[in-house]
């Protein structure tokens, strides 16, 4: 795999505020690890990328009703330290609509961020809620994708807001030019997610939070056929490292062309990244 370029479409460098949230206890239990995520040096994150041959990571901030778990300024500082390795993805205080819009525009126009991520379960609000729509309009205006979570939630929060149908389907109807990258595959609604990505020109799926061995069969078949341009690689680091995610990639039997699209080309095109 060293001959391939790889972009990780969903990762974060954890802060102490982020790591101490009780809602992540279930993830730690699944990973059979009680090791704290806070205090990881940024160099370790870069080393994990190197070990998985990831050339660039889309590094995300996290805002919740509790405030900034990982702030945009912290992400911007990480990018300053490794400008060739990280691309910023903004997050905003969703429940403060005007502040959210101003902050998002600042992240794109001043910090050079390439997208917006909103994790619906943090707010327990479906993405068709009024809070989201001015931000979707701004994404279209500035030609950057919005990254949303789909599928059930690993953290101890309700899963309903992660359904592809009706929510992602409705957003794509209301904003046909909005690039929507749906992270975490969509399981157990994988076929719904594939249907929505097939139906709408600018809806995509990223595989974050899953190792290649756990990709649903229907998603792999979609990647090989009419979904070749629709699926992006992601890890959800530090929950899963790139090397762990890609450990069984060869077992998927992707052609070199499809594998390159999945690991690199699709993300580079959707987020307009030069590597």
C-alpha atoms as a PDB file:
ATOM      1  CA  UNK A   1       0.000   0.000   0.000  1.00  0.00           C
ATOM      2  CA  UNK A   2       2.932   2.474   0.242  1.00  0.00           C
ATOM      3  CA  UNK A   3       2.465   3.325  -3.460  1.00  0.00           C
ATOM      4  CA  UNK A   4      -1.028   4.735  -2.776  1.00  0.00           C
ATOM      5  CA  UNK A   5      -2.041   8.123  -1.457  1.00  0.00           C
ATOM      6  CA  UNK A   6      -4.678   7.919   1.279  1.00  0.00           C
ATOM      7  CA  UNK A   7      -6.970  10.593   2.731  1.00  0.00           C
ATOM      8  CA  UNK A   8      -8.697   9.934   6.055  1.00  0.00           C
ATOM      9  CA  UNK A   9     -12.102  11.619   5.786  1.00  0.00           C
ATOM     10  CA  UNK A  10     -12.990  11.526   9.515  1.00  0.00           C
ATOM     11  CA  UNK A  11     -10.517  11.868  12.350  1.00  0.00           C
ATOM     12  CA  UNK A  12      -9.973  13.984  15.431  1.00  0.00           C
ATOM     13  CA  UNK A  13      -7.088  14.700  17.776  1.00  0.00           C
ATOM     14  CA  UNK A  14      -8.624  14.354  21.256  1.00  0.00           C
ATOM     15  CA  UNK A  15      -8.471  16.938  24.003  1.00  0.00           C
ATOM     16  CA  UNK A  16      -8.958  16.185  27.694  1.00  0.00           C
ATOM     17  CA  UNK A  17     -12.461  17.733  27.478  1.00  0.00           C
ATOM     18  CA  UNK A  18     -13.326  15.381  24.639  1.00  0.00           C
ATOM     19  CA  UNK A  19     -11.885  12.248  26.201  1.00  0.00           C
ATOM     20  CA  UNK A  20     -13.533  12.664  29.597  1.00  0.00           C
ATOM     21  CA  UNK A  21     -17.094  12.610  28.250  1.00  0.00           C
ATOM     22  CA  UNK A  22     -19.015   9.682  29.821  1.00  0.00           C
ATOM     23  CA  UNK A  23     -20.899   9.145  26.563  1.00  0.00           C
ATOM     24  CA  UNK A  24     -17.726   7.567  25.108  1.00  0.00           C
ATOM     25  CA  UNK A  25     -17.573   4.851  27.788  1.00  0.00           C
ATOM     26  CA  UNK A  26     -19.311   2.370  25.504  1.00  0.00           C
ATOM     27  CA  UNK A  27     -16.676   2.881  22.808  1.00  0.00           C
ATOM     28  CA  UNK A  28     -13.902   2.213  25.298  1.00  0.00           C
ATOM     29  CA  UNK A  29     -15.716  -0.932  26.416  1.00  0.00           C
ATOM     30  CA  UNK A  30     -16.063  -2.179  22.837  1.00  0.00           C
ATOM     31  CA  UNK A  31     -12.397  -1.490  22.180  1.00  0.00           C
ATOM     32  CA  UNK A  32     -11.534  -3.359  25.396  1.00  0.00           C
ATOM     33  CA  UNK A  33      -9.380  -0.442  26.463  1.00  0.00           C
ATOM     34  CA  UNK A  34      -9.418   1.789  29.498  1.00  0.00           C
ATOM     35  CA  UNK A  35      -6.470   3.807  28.235  1.00  0.00           C
ATOM     36  CA  UNK A  36      -7.191   7.544  28.323  1.00  0.00           C
ATOM     37  CA  UNK A  37      -7.225   9.249  24.940  1.00  0.00           C
ATOM     38  CA  UNK A  38      -6.264  12.620  26.345  1.00  0.00           C
ATOM     39  CA  UNK A  39      -2.662  13.628  26.398  1.00  0.00           C
ATOM     40  CA  UNK A  40      -1.815  11.950  23.091  1.00  0.00           C
ATOM     41  CA  UNK A  41       0.983  14.044  21.570  1.00  0.00           C
ATOM     42  CA  UNK A  42       0.195  15.349  18.113  1.00  0.00           C
ATOM     43  CA  UNK A  43       3.293  13.519  16.916  1.00  0.00           C
ATOM     44  CA  UNK A  44       1.641  10.224  17.871  1.00  0.00           C
ATOM     45  CA  UNK A  45      -1.333  11.054  15.682  1.00  0.00           C
ATOM     46  CA  UNK A  46       0.978  11.796  12.764  1.00  0.00           C
ATOM     47  CA  UNK A  47       2.874   8.557  13.431  1.00  0.00           C
ATOM     48  CA  UNK A  48      -0.410   6.609  13.380  1.00  0.00           C
ATOM     49  CA  UNK A  49      -1.160   8.192  10.002  1.00  0.00           C
ATOM     50  CA  UNK A  50       2.302   7.196   8.744  1.00  0.00           C
ATOM     51  CA  UNK A  51       1.803   3.614   9.895  1.00  0.00           C
ATOM     52  CA  UNK A  52      -1.425   3.463   7.876  1.00  0.00           C
ATOM     53  CA  UNK A  53       0.054   5.319   4.878  1.00  0.00           C
ATOM     54  CA  UNK A  54      -2.391   8.215   5.330  1.00  0.00           C
ATOM     55  CA  UNK A  55      -0.979  11.287   3.625  1.00  0.00           C
ATOM     56  CA  UNK A  56      -3.701  13.713   4.764  1.00  0.00           C
ATOM     57  CA  UNK A  57      -6.305  13.665   7.505  1.00  0.00           C
ATOM     58  CA  UNK A  58      -9.480  15.729   7.650  1.00  0.00           C
ATOM     59  CA  UNK A  59      -9.166  16.861  11.246  1.00  0.00           C
ATOM     60  CA  UNK A  60     -12.427  17.826  12.905  1.00  0.00           C
ATOM     61  CA  UNK A  61     -13.457  19.994  15.820  1.00  0.00           C
ATOM     62  CA  UNK A  62     -16.352  18.998  18.087  1.00  0.00           C
ATOM     63  CA  UNK A  63     -19.056  21.270  19.501  1.00  0.00           C
ATOM     64  CA  UNK A  64     -21.844  19.997  21.727  1.00  0.00           C
ATOM     65  CA  UNK A  65     -24.411  21.648  24.025  1.00  0.00           C
ATOM     66  CA  UNK A  66     -21.595  21.602  26.611  1.00  0.00           C
ATOM     67  CA  UNK A  67     -19.424  23.793  24.392  1.00  0.00           C
ATOM     68  CA  UNK A  68     -16.251  23.081  22.442  1.00  0.00           C
ATOM     69  CA  UNK A  69     -14.948  19.594  23.184  1.00  0.00           C
ATOM     70  CA  UNK A  70     -12.322  20.224  20.492  1.00  0.00           C
ATOM     71  CA  UNK A  71     -12.344  23.841  19.352  1.00  0.00           C
ATOM     72  CA  UNK A  72     -11.765  25.209  15.874  1.00  0.00           C
ATOM     73  CA  UNK A  73      -8.804  27.147  17.222  1.00  0.00           C
ATOM     74  CA  UNK A  74      -7.222  23.954  18.536  1.00  0.00           C
ATOM     75  CA  UNK A  75      -7.652  22.299  15.150  1.00  0.00           C
ATOM     76  CA  UNK A  76      -6.156  25.366  13.451  1.00  0.00           C
ATOM     77  CA  UNK A  77      -3.145  25.117  15.765  1.00  0.00           C
ATOM     78  CA  UNK A  78      -2.651  21.447  14.878  1.00  0.00           C
ATOM     79  CA  UNK A  79      -2.724  22.365  11.199  1.00  0.00           C
ATOM     80  CA  UNK A  80      -0.099  25.058  11.763  1.00  0.00           C
ATOM     81  CA  UNK A  81       2.206  22.417  13.198  1.00  0.00           C
ATOM     82  CA  UNK A  82       1.629  19.964  10.336  1.00  0.00           C
ATOM     83  CA  UNK A  83       0.237  21.960   7.389  1.00  0.00           C
ATOM     84  CA  UNK A  84       1.023  19.210   4.886  1.00  0.00           C
ATOM     85  CA  UNK A  85      -0.760  16.494   6.854  1.00  0.00           C
ATOM     86  CA  UNK A  86      -4.007  18.002   8.151  1.00  0.00           C
ATOM     87  CA  UNK A  87      -7.043  19.719   6.632  1.00  0.00           C
ATOM     88  CA  UNK A  88      -9.514  21.439   8.940  1.00  0.00           C
ATOM     89  CA  UNK A  89     -13.190  20.524   9.229  1.00  0.00           C
ATOM     90  CA  UNK A  90     -15.207  22.992  11.293  1.00  0.00           C
ATOM     91  CA  UNK A  91     -17.828  22.452  13.948  1.00  0.00           C
ATOM     92  CA  UNK A  92     -20.091  25.103  15.462  1.00  0.00           C
ATOM     93  CA  UNK A  93     -22.510  25.710  18.370  1.00  0.00           C
ATOM     94  CA  UNK A  94     -25.642  24.529  16.626  1.00  0.00           C
ATOM     95  CA  UNK A  95     -28.028  25.956  19.249  1.00  0.00           C
ATOM     96  CA  UNK A  96     -26.733  29.501  18.663  1.00  0.00           C
ATOM     97  CA  UNK A  97     -27.694  30.023  15.014  1.00  0.00           C
ATOM     98  CA  UNK A  98     -26.131  33.422  14.329  1.00  0.00           C
ATOM     99  CA  UNK A  99     -22.939  32.660  16.238  1.00  0.00           C
ATOM    100  CA  UNK A 100     -22.730  29.317  14.443  1.00  0.00           C
ATOM    101  CA  UNK A 101     -22.997  30.930  11.023  1.00  0.00           C
ATOM    102  CA  UNK A 102     -20.397  33.594  11.784  1.00  0.00           C
ATOM    103  CA  UNK A 103     -17.996  31.010  13.194  1.00  0.00           C
ATOM    104  CA  UNK A 104     -18.414  28.685  10.232  1.00  0.00           C
ATOM    105  CA  UNK A 105     -17.712  31.460   7.726  1.00  0.00           C
ATOM    106  CA  UNK A 106     -14.635  32.449   9.733  1.00  0.00           C
ATOM    107  CA  UNK A 107     -13.332  28.882   9.675  1.00  0.00           C
ATOM    108  CA  UNK A 108     -13.628  28.672   5.889  1.00  0.00           C
ATOM    109  CA  UNK A 109     -12.646  32.202   4.912  1.00  0.00           C
ATOM    110  CA  UNK A 110      -9.928  32.899   7.483  1.00  0.00           C
ATOM    111  CA  UNK A 111      -8.677  29.504   8.660  1.00  0.00           C
ATOM    112  CA  UNK A 112      -8.967  27.720   5.308  1.00  0.00           C
ATOM    113  CA  UNK A 113     -11.114  24.851   6.591  1.00  0.00           C
ATOM    114  CA  UNK A 114     -12.608  22.616   3.904  1.00  0.00           C
ATOM    115  CA  UNK A 115     -15.930  21.555   5.362  1.00  0.00           C
ATOM    116  CA  UNK A 116     -18.400  21.511   8.243  1.00  0.00           C
ATOM    117  CA  UNK A 117     -19.155  18.585  10.506  1.00  0.00           C
ATOM    118  CA  UNK A 118     -22.274  18.305  12.635  1.00  0.00           C
ATOM    119  CA  UNK A 119     -22.770  15.178  14.731  1.00  0.00           C
ATOM    120  CA  UNK A 120     -26.525  15.007  15.176  1.00  0.00           C
ATOM    121  CA  UNK A 121     -26.588  12.727  18.210  1.00  0.00           C
ATOM    122  CA  UNK A 122     -24.617  15.279  20.233  1.00  0.00           C
ATOM    123  CA  UNK A 123     -27.684  17.503  20.024  1.00  0.00           C
ATOM    124  CA  UNK A 124     -30.359  14.808  19.641  1.00  0.00           C
ATOM    125  CA  UNK A 125     -31.735  16.873  16.769  1.00  0.00           C
ATOM    126  CA  UNK A 126     -32.352  15.438  13.293  1.00  0.00           C
ATOM    127  CA  UNK A 127     -30.517  17.255  10.498  1.00  0.00           C
ATOM    128  CA  UNK A 128     -33.825  18.511   9.115  1.00  0.00           C
ATOM    129  CA  UNK A 129     -34.206  20.756  12.181  1.00  0.00           C
ATOM    130  CA  UNK A 130     -34.271  24.503  11.503  1.00  0.00           C
ATOM    131  CA  UNK A 131     -30.904  25.027  13.247  1.00  0.00           C
ATOM    132  CA  UNK A 132     -29.072  23.219  10.444  1.00  0.00           C
ATOM    133  CA  UNK A 133     -30.561  24.875   7.382  1.00  0.00           C
ATOM    134  CA  UNK A 134     -28.737  28.247   7.396  1.00  0.00           C
ATOM    135  CA  UNK A 135     -25.485  26.294   7.707  1.00  0.00           C
ATOM    136  CA  UNK A 136     -26.412  24.032   4.786  1.00  0.00           C
ATOM    137  CA  UNK A 137     -27.113  27.133   2.686  1.00  0.00           C
ATOM    138  CA  UNK A 138     -23.713  28.566   3.671  1.00  0.00           C
ATOM    139  CA  UNK A 139     -22.022  25.296   2.666  1.00  0.00           C
ATOM    140  CA  UNK A 140     -23.566  25.560  -0.799  1.00  0.00           C
ATOM    141  CA  UNK A 141     -22.629  29.225  -1.054  1.00  0.00           C
ATOM    142  CA  UNK A 142     -18.992  28.543  -0.121  1.00  0.00           C
ATOM    143  CA  UNK A 143     -18.846  25.220  -2.014  1.00  0.00           C
ATOM    144  CA  UNK A 144     -17.742  23.056   0.903  1.00  0.00           C
ATOM    145  CA  UNK A 145     -19.225  19.730   2.038  1.00  0.00           C
ATOM    146  CA  UNK A 146     -21.163  19.096   5.200  1.00  0.00           C
ATOM    147  CA  UNK A 147     -20.213  15.941   7.120  1.00  0.00           C
ATOM    148  CA  UNK A 148     -23.020  14.233   9.040  1.00  0.00           C
ATOM    149  CA  UNK A 149     -23.219  11.027  11.056  1.00  0.00           C
ATOM    150  CA  UNK A 150     -25.411   8.168   9.868  1.00  0.00           C
ATOM    151  CA  UNK A 151     -26.331   4.875  11.491  1.00  0.00           C
ATOM    152  CA  UNK A 152     -26.646   3.897  15.115  1.00  0.00           C
ATOM    153  CA  UNK A 153     -24.525   5.627  17.739  1.00  0.00           C
ATOM    154  CA  UNK A 154     -21.684   3.855  19.479  1.00  0.00           C
ATOM    155  CA  UNK A 155     -21.762   6.438  22.305  1.00  0.00           C
ATOM    156  CA  UNK A 156     -24.603   6.233  24.809  1.00  0.00           C
ATOM    157  CA  UNK A 157     -26.928   8.587  22.936  1.00  0.00           C
ATOM    158  CA  UNK A 158     -30.127   8.050  20.872  1.00  0.00           C
ATOM    159  CA  UNK A 159     -29.663   6.737  17.321  1.00  0.00           C
ATOM    160  CA  UNK A 160     -32.834   7.925  15.584  1.00  0.00           C
ATOM    161  CA  UNK A 161     -31.283  11.169  14.320  1.00  0.00           C
ATOM    162  CA  UNK A 162     -28.755   9.135  12.305  1.00  0.00           C
ATOM    163  CA  UNK A 163     -31.294   7.576   9.926  1.00  0.00           C
ATOM    164  CA  UNK A 164     -30.557   8.126   6.238  1.00  0.00           C
ATOM    165  CA  UNK A 165     -34.278   8.009   5.414  1.00  0.00           C
ATOM    166  CA  UNK A 166     -36.040  10.335   5.909  1.00  0.00           C
ATOM    167  CA  UNK A 167     -33.373  12.801   7.049  1.00  0.00           C
ATOM    168  CA  UNK A 168     -30.479  12.688   4.569  1.00  0.00           C
ATOM    169  CA  UNK A 169     -32.925  12.102   1.734  1.00  0.00           C
ATOM    170  CA  UNK A 170     -34.926  15.209   2.685  1.00  0.00           C
ATOM    171  CA  UNK A 171     -31.830  17.402   3.028  1.00  0.00           C
ATOM    172  CA  UNK A 172     -30.619  16.368  -0.423  1.00  0.00           C
ATOM    173  CA  UNK A 173     -34.031  17.246  -1.873  1.00  0.00           C
ATOM    174  CA  UNK A 174     -34.058  20.658  -0.177  1.00  0.00           C
ATOM    175  CA  UNK A 175     -30.404  21.394  -1.093  1.00  0.00           C
ATOM    176  CA  UNK A 176     -29.656  19.564  -4.360  1.00  0.00           C
ATOM    177  CA  UNK A 177     -26.254  21.272  -4.723  1.00  0.00           C
ATOM    178  CA  UNK A 178     -25.122  20.513  -1.153  1.00  0.00           C
ATOM    179  CA  UNK A 179     -22.276  18.008  -0.904  1.00  0.00           C
ATOM    180  CA  UNK A 180     -23.218  15.676   1.964  1.00  0.00           C
ATOM    181  CA  UNK A 181     -20.640  13.215   3.301  1.00  0.00           C
ATOM    182  CA  UNK A 182     -22.301  10.668   5.557  1.00  0.00           C
ATOM    183  CA  UNK A 183     -19.870   9.192   8.068  1.00  0.00           C
ATOM    184  CA  UNK A 184     -20.022   5.796   9.781  1.00  0.00           C
ATOM    185  CA  UNK A 185     -21.602   3.871   6.858  1.00  0.00           C
ATOM    186  CA  UNK A 186     -25.190   3.961   8.131  1.00  0.00           C
ATOM    187  CA  UNK A 187     -25.460   0.520   9.758  1.00  0.00           C
ATOM    188  CA  UNK A 188     -28.023  -0.922  10.498  1.00  0.00           C
ATOM    189  CA  UNK A 189     -29.614   1.173   7.730  1.00  0.00           C
ATOM    190  CA  UNK A 190     -26.830   0.475   5.226  1.00  0.00           C
ATOM    191  CA  UNK A 191     -29.120  -0.282   2.307  1.00  0.00           C
ATOM    192  CA  UNK A 192     -31.045   2.935   3.021  1.00  0.00           C
ATOM    193  CA  UNK A 193     -27.791   4.865   2.940  1.00  0.00           C
ATOM    194  CA  UNK A 194     -26.755   3.271  -0.346  1.00  0.00           C
ATOM    195  CA  UNK A 195     -30.168   4.045  -1.824  1.00  0.00           C
ATOM    196  CA  UNK A 196     -29.914   7.711  -0.817  1.00  0.00           C
ATOM    197  CA  UNK A 197     -26.348   8.022  -2.156  1.00  0.00           C
ATOM    198  CA  UNK A 198     -27.454   6.430  -5.421  1.00  0.00           C
ATOM    199  CA  UNK A 199     -30.494   8.693  -5.714  1.00  0.00           C
ATOM    200  CA  UNK A 200     -28.726  12.004  -5.074  1.00  0.00           C
ATOM    201  CA  UNK A 201     -25.762  13.281  -7.076  1.00  0.00           C
ATOM    202  CA  UNK A 202     -23.934  14.912  -4.176  1.00  0.00           C
ATOM    203  CA  UNK A 203     -24.514  12.407  -1.357  1.00  0.00           C
ATOM    204  CA  UNK A 204     -21.499  10.309  -0.316  1.00  0.00           C
ATOM    205  CA  UNK A 205     -20.648   7.670   2.304  1.00  0.00           C
ATOM    206  CA  UNK A 206     -17.508   7.460   4.418  1.00  0.00           C
ATOM    207  CA  UNK A 207     -16.440   4.293   6.182  1.00  0.00           C
ATOM    208  CA  UNK A 208     -15.226   5.814   9.456  1.00  0.00           C
ATOM    209  CA  UNK A 209     -15.719   3.835  12.678  1.00  0.00           C
ATOM    210  CA  UNK A 210     -15.432   0.522  10.803  1.00  0.00           C
ATOM    211  CA  UNK A 211     -12.482  -1.668   9.899  1.00  0.00           C
ATOM    212  CA  UNK A 212     -12.362  -3.100   6.373  1.00  0.00           C
ATOM    213  CA  UNK A 213     -13.235  -6.523   7.774  1.00  0.00           C
ATOM    214  CA  UNK A 214     -16.532  -5.107   9.102  1.00  0.00           C
ATOM    215  CA  UNK A 215     -17.707  -3.294   5.970  1.00  0.00           C
ATOM    216  CA  UNK A 216     -21.201  -4.609   5.172  1.00  0.00           C
ATOM    217  CA  UNK A 217     -21.305  -6.852   2.113  1.00  0.00           C
ATOM    218  CA  UNK A 218     -23.782  -4.606   0.305  1.00  0.00           C
ATOM    219  CA  UNK A 219     -21.477  -1.608   0.755  1.00  0.00           C
ATOM    220  CA  UNK A 220     -18.498  -3.494  -0.720  1.00  0.00           C
ATOM    221  CA  UNK A 221     -20.599  -4.506  -3.730  1.00  0.00           C
ATOM    222  CA  UNK A 222     -21.695  -0.868  -4.124  1.00  0.00           C
ATOM    223  CA  UNK A 223     -18.052   0.278  -4.035  1.00  0.00           C
ATOM    224  CA  UNK A 224     -17.144  -2.212  -6.773  1.00  0.00           C
ATOM    225  CA  UNK A 225     -19.986  -1.260  -9.101  1.00  0.00           C
ATOM    226  CA  UNK A 226     -22.159   1.845  -9.420  1.00  0.00           C
ATOM    227  CA  UNK A 227     -20.839   3.393  -6.188  1.00  0.00           C
ATOM    228  CA  UNK A 228     -17.185   3.611  -7.207  1.00  0.00           C
ATOM    229  CA  UNK A 229     -17.233   7.422  -6.993  1.00  0.00           C
ATOM    230  CA  UNK A 230     -19.386   7.574  -3.872  1.00  0.00           C
ATOM    231  CA  UNK A 231     -17.471   5.971  -0.986  1.00  0.00           C
ATOM    232  CA  UNK A 232     -14.637   7.623   0.972  1.00  0.00           C
ATOM    233  CA  UNK A 233     -12.215   6.049   3.422  1.00  0.00           C
ATOM    234  CA  UNK A 234     -12.343   7.219   7.043  1.00  0.00           C
ATOM    235  CA  UNK A 235     -11.146   5.934  10.407  1.00  0.00           C
ATOM    236  CA  UNK A 236     -12.707   7.853  13.318  1.00  0.00           C
ATOM    237  CA  UNK A 237      -9.205   8.006  14.842  1.00  0.00           C
ATOM    238  CA  UNK A 238      -8.275   7.757  17.708  1.00  0.00           C
ATOM    239  CA  UNK A 239     -11.066   5.229  18.248  1.00  0.00           C
ATOM    240  CA  UNK A 240      -9.542   3.165  15.396  1.00  0.00           C
ATOM    241  CA  UNK A 241      -6.121   3.675  13.824  1.00  0.00           C
ATOM    242  CA  UNK A 242      -5.631   3.782  10.039  1.00  0.00           C
ATOM    243  CA  UNK A 243      -3.493   0.629  10.102  1.00  0.00           C
ATOM    244  CA  UNK A 244      -6.236  -1.261  11.959  1.00  0.00           C
ATOM    245  CA  UNK A 245      -8.914   0.002   9.565  1.00  0.00           C
ATOM    246  CA  UNK A 246      -6.961  -1.144   6.509  1.00  0.00           C
ATOM    247  CA  UNK A 247      -5.619  -4.408   7.906  1.00  0.00           C
ATOM    248  CA  UNK A 248      -7.961  -6.601   5.829  1.00  0.00           C
ATOM    249  CA  UNK A 249      -8.452  -4.309   2.834  1.00  0.00           C
ATOM    250  CA  UNK A 250      -7.000  -6.851   0.377  1.00  0.00           C
ATOM    251  CA  UNK A 251      -9.752  -9.297   1.325  1.00  0.00           C
ATOM    252  CA  UNK A 252     -12.307  -6.963  -0.308  1.00  0.00           C
ATOM    253  CA  UNK A 253     -10.752  -7.736  -3.709  1.00  0.00           C
ATOM    254  CA  UNK A 254     -11.072  -4.196  -5.030  1.00  0.00           C
ATOM    255  CA  UNK A 255      -9.480  -3.420  -8.370  1.00  0.00           C
ATOM    256  CA  UNK A 256      -6.552  -0.959  -8.226  1.00  0.00           C
ATOM    257  CA  UNK A 257      -8.773   1.706  -9.805  1.00  0.00           C
ATOM    258  CA  UNK A 258     -11.601   1.246  -7.292  1.00  0.00           C
ATOM    259  CA  UNK A 259      -9.178   1.070  -4.367  1.00  0.00           C
ATOM    260  CA  UNK A 260      -7.529   4.330  -5.397  1.00  0.00           C
ATOM    261  CA  UNK A 261     -10.907   6.050  -5.710  1.00  0.00           C
ATOM    262  CA  UNK A 262     -11.958   4.788  -2.297  1.00  0.00           C
ATOM    263  CA  UNK A 263      -8.750   5.662  -0.463  1.00  0.00           C
ATOM    264  CA  UNK A 264      -7.871   8.921  -2.169  1.00  0.00           C
ATOM    265  CA  UNK A 265      -9.530  10.219  -5.321  1.00  0.00           C
ATOM    266  CA  UNK A 266     -13.093  10.540  -4.046  1.00  0.00           C
ATOM    267  CA  UNK A 267     -12.123  12.552  -0.964  1.00  0.00           C
ATOM    268  CA  UNK A 268      -9.703  14.719  -2.945  1.00  0.00           C
ATOM    269  CA  UNK A 269     -12.476  15.551  -5.418  1.00  0.00           C
ATOM    270  CA  UNK A 270     -15.312  16.097  -2.927  1.00  0.00           C
ATOM    271  CA  UNK A 271     -13.262  18.264  -0.532  1.00  0.00           C
ATOM    272  CA  UNK A 272     -11.136  19.801  -3.313  1.00  0.00           C
ATOM    273  CA  UNK A 273      -7.848  18.784  -1.703  1.00  0.00           C
ATOM    274  CA  UNK A 274      -4.505  18.814  -3.456  1.00  0.00           C
ATOM    275  CA  UNK A 275      -2.013  16.172  -2.284  1.00  0.00           C
END
